[in-house]
Amino acid sequence: MSYVTLAQVKEALRQTQNSDDNLLTRLIASAEEECLRFLGRTELPTLPVEYPVVSSDGSLVSEEVPSSGDPVVADVVNGIILMVQADYDGDPLMRDKLRQAAEALWMPYAVRDRLWL
């Protein structure tokens, strides 16, 4: 299941034609997988953000799997779109900048075990 839609990506890239839809769909899937690897997660973080909550008995409670009603965090979606743009535009000078911008958006949502950078 894709969390970022083709329509969202096309809007961000200001694309109106349909000729690149298959390519963009593959790039979305690739960018989502890269985001999950970067975050060290199996699901993208959703709102409300799953910051640990302490229950009345003192145990930590966290939503591990997003529910279908929770939207993916906007920064994460925007980072995925930036990763698609980095691969779609083909400009080697901008590619690294777009990737760095995406990772900066994702960093606050990385799980602790992933924060070895």
N, C-alpha and C. Protein backbone atom coordinates (compact mmCIF):
# COMPACT_ATOMS: atom_id res chain seq x y z
N MET A 1 0.84 -1.18 0.00
CA MET A 1 0.00 0.00 0.00
C MET A 1 0.89 1.25 0.00
N SER A 2 0.60 2.14 -0.88
CA SER A 2 1.37 3.38 -0.96
C SER A 2 0.75 4.44 -0.05
N TYR A 3 1.62 5.15 0.65
CA TYR A 3 1.17 6.20 1.56
C TYR A 3 1.11 7.55 0.87
N VAL A 4 1.92 7.69 -0.17
CA VAL A 4 1.96 8.92 -0.95
C VAL A 4 1.30 8.62 -2.29
N THR A 5 0.39 9.49 -2.70
CA THR A 5 -0.35 9.22 -3.92
C THR A 5 0.35 9.80 -5.14
N LEU A 6 0.05 9.22 -6.27
CA LEU A 6 0.55 9.73 -7.53
C LEU A 6 0.09 11.17 -7.73
N ALA A 7 -1.13 11.47 -7.34
CA ALA A 7 -1.66 12.84 -7.48
C ALA A 7 -0.84 13.83 -6.66
N GLN A 8 -0.46 13.44 -5.43
CA GLN A 8 0.36 14.33 -4.59
C GLN A 8 1.70 14.62 -5.25
N VAL A 9 2.32 13.58 -5.78
CA VAL A 9 3.63 13.74 -6.42
C VAL A 9 3.51 14.58 -7.68
N LYS A 10 2.52 14.31 -8.50
CA LYS A 10 2.35 15.08 -9.73
C LYS A 10 2.07 16.55 -9.43
N GLU A 11 1.31 16.82 -8.39
CA GLU A 11 1.06 18.20 -8.00
C GLU A 11 2.36 18.89 -7.58
N ALA A 12 3.16 18.21 -6.77
CA ALA A 12 4.42 18.79 -6.30
C ALA A 12 5.41 19.01 -7.44
N LEU A 13 5.40 18.10 -8.41
CA LEU A 13 6.30 18.22 -9.57
C LEU A 13 5.71 19.08 -10.68
N ARG A 14 4.48 19.52 -10.45
CA ARG A 14 3.75 20.32 -11.45
C ARG A 14 3.65 19.58 -12.79
N GLN A 15 3.31 18.30 -12.69
CA GLN A 15 3.14 17.45 -13.86
C GLN A 15 1.66 17.28 -14.16
N THR A 16 1.30 17.47 -15.42
CA THR A 16 -0.09 17.29 -15.80
C THR A 16 -0.29 16.14 -16.78
N GLN A 17 0.78 15.74 -17.47
CA GLN A 17 0.65 14.65 -18.43
C GLN A 17 0.67 13.31 -17.71
N ASN A 18 0.22 12.29 -18.38
CA ASN A 18 0.15 10.95 -17.79
C ASN A 18 1.26 10.03 -18.28
N SER A 19 2.10 10.50 -19.17
CA SER A 19 3.10 9.64 -19.80
C SER A 19 4.13 9.08 -18.81
N ASP A 20 4.37 9.75 -17.70
CA ASP A 20 5.35 9.29 -16.72
C ASP A 20 4.72 8.65 -15.48
N ASP A 21 3.44 8.35 -15.52
CA ASP A 21 2.75 7.82 -14.34
C ASP A 21 3.36 6.51 -13.84
N ASN A 22 3.72 5.60 -14.74
CA ASN A 22 4.32 4.33 -14.31
C ASN A 22 5.66 4.57 -13.63
N LEU A 23 6.48 5.42 -14.22
CA LEU A 23 7.77 5.75 -13.63
C LEU A 23 7.59 6.39 -12.25
N LEU A 24 6.70 7.36 -12.16
CA LEU A 24 6.47 8.04 -10.88
C LEU A 24 5.95 7.08 -9.82
N THR A 25 5.11 6.14 -10.21
CA THR A 25 4.58 5.15 -9.27
C THR A 25 5.71 4.28 -8.73
N ARG A 26 6.64 3.86 -9.60
CA ARG A 26 7.80 3.08 -9.14
C ARG A 26 8.70 3.91 -8.24
N LEU A 27 8.89 5.18 -8.59
CA LEU A 27 9.74 6.05 -7.76
C LEU A 27 9.11 6.30 -6.39
N ILE A 28 7.80 6.39 -6.33
CA ILE A 28 7.11 6.55 -5.04
C ILE A 28 7.37 5.32 -4.17
N ALA A 29 7.20 4.13 -4.74
CA ALA A 29 7.42 2.89 -3.98
C ALA A 29 8.86 2.82 -3.48
N SER A 30 9.80 3.17 -4.32
CA SER A 30 11.21 3.16 -3.94
C SER A 30 11.50 4.17 -2.84
N ALA A 31 10.95 5.37 -2.96
CA ALA A 31 11.17 6.41 -1.95
C ALA A 31 10.55 6.03 -0.61
N GLU A 32 9.39 5.40 -0.63
CA GLU A 32 8.75 4.95 0.62
C GLU A 32 9.60 3.87 1.28
N GLU A 33 10.14 2.95 0.50
CA GLU A 33 11.00 1.91 1.07
C GLU A 33 12.26 2.53 1.67
N GLU A 34 12.85 3.48 0.96
CA GLU A 34 14.04 4.15 1.48
C GLU A 34 13.73 4.90 2.77
N CYS A 35 12.58 5.54 2.82
CA CYS A 35 12.16 6.26 4.03
C CYS A 35 12.04 5.29 5.20
N LEU A 36 11.41 4.16 5.00
CA LEU A 36 11.25 3.17 6.07
C LEU A 36 12.60 2.68 6.57
N ARG A 37 13.53 2.41 5.63
CA ARG A 37 14.87 1.98 6.03
C ARG A 37 15.57 3.07 6.84
N PHE A 38 15.47 4.31 6.37
CA PHE A 38 16.10 5.43 7.08
C PHE A 38 15.54 5.57 8.48
N LEU A 39 14.22 5.44 8.60
CA LEU A 39 13.56 5.61 9.89
C LEU A 39 13.73 4.42 10.82
N GLY A 40 14.11 3.27 10.26
CA GLY A 40 14.20 2.07 11.07
C GLY A 40 12.84 1.58 11.50
N ARG A 41 11.85 1.75 10.64
CA ARG A 41 10.46 1.38 10.95
C ARG A 41 9.93 0.40 9.91
N THR A 42 8.81 -0.22 10.26
CA THR A 42 8.10 -1.06 9.30
C THR A 42 6.86 -0.36 8.76
N GLU A 43 6.44 0.70 9.44
CA GLU A 43 5.29 1.52 9.01
C GLU A 43 5.69 2.98 9.15
N LEU A 44 5.15 3.82 8.29
CA LEU A 44 5.43 5.24 8.38
C LEU A 44 4.71 5.85 9.59
N PRO A 45 5.32 6.83 10.25
CA PRO A 45 4.68 7.44 11.42
C PRO A 45 3.45 8.22 11.01
N THR A 46 2.45 8.16 11.87
CA THR A 46 1.18 8.82 11.58
C THR A 46 0.86 9.84 12.66
N LEU A 47 -0.12 10.65 12.38
CA LEU A 47 -0.64 11.59 13.37
C LEU A 47 -1.85 10.96 14.04
N PRO A 48 -2.04 11.06 15.32
CA PRO A 48 -1.11 11.74 16.20
C PRO A 48 0.22 11.00 16.23
N VAL A 49 1.29 11.74 16.28
CA VAL A 49 2.62 11.15 16.27
C VAL A 49 2.75 10.20 17.44
N GLU A 50 3.34 9.04 17.19
CA GLU A 50 3.41 8.00 18.21
C GLU A 50 4.52 8.23 19.22
N TYR A 51 4.56 9.41 19.83
CA TYR A 51 5.51 9.61 20.91
C TYR A 51 5.09 8.71 22.05
N PRO A 52 6.05 8.14 22.76
CA PRO A 52 5.68 7.23 23.86
C PRO A 52 4.80 7.94 24.89
N VAL A 53 3.79 7.24 25.31
CA VAL A 53 2.87 7.74 26.32
C VAL A 53 2.96 6.80 27.52
N VAL A 54 3.00 7.35 28.71
CA VAL A 54 3.06 6.53 29.92
C VAL A 54 1.64 6.33 30.42
N SER A 55 1.27 5.07 30.59
CA SER A 55 -0.07 4.76 31.08
C SER A 55 -0.12 4.93 32.59
N SER A 56 -1.30 4.76 33.18
CA SER A 56 -1.48 4.96 34.62
C SER A 56 -0.68 3.97 35.46
N ASP A 57 -0.35 2.80 34.87
CA ASP A 57 0.46 1.82 35.63
C ASP A 57 1.96 2.01 35.42
N GLY A 58 2.35 3.06 34.68
CA GLY A 58 3.76 3.38 34.48
C GLY A 58 4.40 2.73 33.28
N SER A 59 3.64 1.90 32.55
CA SER A 59 4.21 1.26 31.36
C SER A 59 4.11 2.19 30.16
N LEU A 60 5.03 1.98 29.22
CA LEU A 60 5.02 2.78 28.01
C LEU A 60 3.97 2.25 27.04
N VAL A 61 3.22 3.16 26.45
CA VAL A 61 2.20 2.81 25.49
C VAL A 61 2.54 3.57 24.21
N SER A 62 2.55 2.86 23.09
CA SER A 62 2.85 3.51 21.81
C SER A 62 2.06 2.80 20.72
N GLU A 63 1.59 3.57 19.78
CA GLU A 63 0.88 2.99 18.64
C GLU A 63 1.93 2.45 17.68
N GLU A 64 2.03 1.14 17.56
CA GLU A 64 3.05 0.53 16.72
C GLU A 64 2.64 0.51 15.25
N VAL A 65 1.37 0.30 14.99
CA VAL A 65 0.88 0.21 13.62
C VAL A 65 -0.14 1.31 13.41
N PRO A 66 0.07 2.14 12.36
CA PRO A 66 -0.89 3.22 12.14
C PRO A 66 -2.26 2.66 11.78
N SER A 67 -3.28 3.35 12.21
CA SER A 67 -4.62 2.94 11.81
C SER A 67 -4.95 3.61 10.49
N SER A 68 -5.91 3.08 9.78
CA SER A 68 -6.24 3.61 8.47
C SER A 68 -6.77 5.04 8.54
N GLY A 69 -7.23 5.44 9.71
CA GLY A 69 -7.76 6.79 9.84
C GLY A 69 -6.72 7.84 10.17
N ASP A 70 -5.51 7.42 10.49
CA ASP A 70 -4.45 8.35 10.85
C ASP A 70 -3.63 8.73 9.62
N PRO A 71 -3.49 10.03 9.35
CA PRO A 71 -2.67 10.42 8.20
C PRO A 71 -1.19 10.30 8.53
N VAL A 72 -0.40 10.00 7.51
CA VAL A 72 1.05 9.98 7.66
C VAL A 72 1.51 11.40 7.93
N VAL A 73 2.50 11.55 8.80
CA VAL A 73 3.05 12.86 9.17
C VAL A 73 3.44 13.63 7.90
N ALA A 74 3.02 14.89 7.81
CA ALA A 74 3.25 15.70 6.61
C ALA A 74 4.73 15.82 6.25
N ASP A 75 5.60 15.96 7.24
CA ASP A 75 7.04 16.05 6.96
C ASP A 75 7.55 14.78 6.29
N VAL A 76 7.03 13.64 6.69
CA VAL A 76 7.45 12.37 6.10
C VAL A 76 6.97 12.29 4.65
N VAL A 77 5.73 12.69 4.40
CA VAL A 77 5.19 12.71 3.04
C VAL A 77 6.02 13.65 2.16
N ASN A 78 6.30 14.84 2.67
CA ASN A 78 7.08 15.79 1.88
C ASN A 78 8.49 15.28 1.60
N GLY A 79 9.07 14.57 2.56
CA GLY A 79 10.38 13.98 2.33
C GLY A 79 10.35 12.91 1.25
N ILE A 80 9.31 12.10 1.23
CA ILE A 80 9.16 11.09 0.19
C ILE A 80 9.02 11.75 -1.17
N ILE A 81 8.24 12.81 -1.23
CA ILE A 81 8.08 13.54 -2.50
C ILE A 81 9.43 14.11 -2.96
N LEU A 82 10.21 14.64 -2.02
CA LEU A 82 11.54 15.15 -2.38
C LEU A 82 12.43 14.03 -2.92
N MET A 83 12.33 12.84 -2.35
CA MET A 83 13.13 11.71 -2.85
C MET A 83 12.69 11.31 -4.26
N VAL A 84 11.40 11.36 -4.52
CA VAL A 84 10.91 11.09 -5.87
C VAL A 84 11.47 12.13 -6.82
N GLN A 85 11.39 13.39 -6.43
CA GLN A 85 11.91 14.47 -7.27
C GLN A 85 13.40 14.29 -7.53
N ALA A 86 14.15 13.88 -6.52
CA ALA A 86 15.60 13.69 -6.67
C ALA A 86 15.91 12.67 -7.76
N ASP A 87 15.12 11.60 -7.83
CA ASP A 87 15.35 10.58 -8.85
C ASP A 87 14.69 10.92 -10.18
N TYR A 88 13.62 11.65 -10.16
CA TYR A 88 12.87 11.98 -11.38
C TYR A 88 13.54 13.07 -12.20
N ASP A 89 14.00 14.12 -11.54
CA ASP A 89 14.56 15.26 -12.26
C ASP A 89 15.86 14.92 -12.97
N GLY A 90 16.66 14.06 -12.39
CA GLY A 90 17.90 13.66 -13.03
C GLY A 90 19.00 14.70 -12.99
N ASP A 91 18.86 15.73 -12.18
CA ASP A 91 19.89 16.76 -12.05
C ASP A 91 20.85 16.32 -10.95
N PRO A 92 22.07 15.90 -11.31
CA PRO A 92 22.98 15.39 -10.29
C PRO A 92 23.37 16.42 -9.24
N LEU A 93 23.38 17.69 -9.59
CA LEU A 93 23.72 18.73 -8.61
C LEU A 93 22.64 18.90 -7.56
N MET A 94 21.39 18.76 -7.97
CA MET A 94 20.27 18.92 -7.04
C MET A 94 19.94 17.63 -6.28
N ARG A 95 20.34 16.50 -6.84
CA ARG A 95 19.96 15.21 -6.23
C ARG A 95 20.39 15.12 -4.78
N ASP A 96 21.66 15.41 -4.50
CA ASP A 96 22.15 15.31 -3.12
C ASP A 96 21.45 16.30 -2.21
N LYS A 97 21.17 17.49 -2.71
CA LYS A 97 20.48 18.50 -1.89
C LYS A 97 19.06 18.06 -1.56
N LEU A 98 18.37 17.50 -2.54
CA LEU A 98 17.00 17.03 -2.31
C LEU A 98 16.99 15.87 -1.32
N ARG A 99 17.95 14.95 -1.45
CA ARG A 99 18.04 13.82 -0.54
C ARG A 99 18.35 14.28 0.88
N GLN A 100 19.24 15.23 1.02
CA GLN A 100 19.56 15.76 2.35
C GLN A 100 18.35 16.45 2.97
N ALA A 101 17.61 17.18 2.15
CA ALA A 101 16.41 17.85 2.66
C ALA A 101 15.38 16.82 3.11
N ALA A 102 15.22 15.74 2.35
CA ALA A 102 14.27 14.68 2.73
C ALA A 102 14.69 14.05 4.05
N GLU A 103 15.96 13.72 4.19
CA GLU A 103 16.43 13.08 5.41
C GLU A 103 16.30 14.01 6.62
N ALA A 104 16.48 15.31 6.41
CA ALA A 104 16.30 16.26 7.50
C ALA A 104 14.84 16.28 7.97
N LEU A 105 13.91 16.14 7.04
CA LEU A 105 12.49 16.08 7.41
C LEU A 105 12.18 14.78 8.16
N TRP A 106 12.84 13.70 7.78
CA TRP A 106 12.56 12.39 8.38
C TRP A 106 13.21 12.20 9.75
N MET A 107 14.34 12.83 9.99
CA MET A 107 15.16 12.55 11.17
C MET A 107 14.38 12.56 12.49
N PRO A 108 13.48 13.53 12.73
CA PRO A 108 12.78 13.52 14.03
C PRO A 108 11.90 12.29 14.26
N TYR A 109 11.61 11.52 13.21
CA TYR A 109 10.72 10.38 13.32
C TYR A 109 11.46 9.05 13.29
N ALA A 110 12.80 9.11 13.23
CA ALA A 110 13.59 7.88 13.25
C ALA A 110 13.54 7.26 14.63
N VAL A 111 13.49 5.95 14.67
CA VAL A 111 13.47 5.27 15.97
C VAL A 111 14.87 5.30 16.57
N ARG A 112 14.94 5.23 17.88
CA ARG A 112 16.22 5.39 18.59
C ARG A 112 17.31 4.45 18.09
N ASP A 113 16.98 3.21 17.79
CA ASP A 113 17.98 2.26 17.34
C ASP A 113 18.62 2.70 16.01
N ARG A 114 17.93 3.52 15.27
CA ARG A 114 18.41 3.98 13.96
C ARG A 114 19.34 5.18 14.10
N LEU A 115 19.34 5.85 15.22
CA LEU A 115 20.05 7.11 15.37
C LEU A 115 21.54 6.92 15.64
N TRP A 116 22.19 6.12 14.83
CA TRP A 116 23.62 5.90 14.95
C TRP A 116 24.40 6.80 14.03
N LEU A 117 23.72 7.61 13.25
CA LEU A 117 24.37 8.46 12.24
C LEU A 117 25.41 9.36 12.83
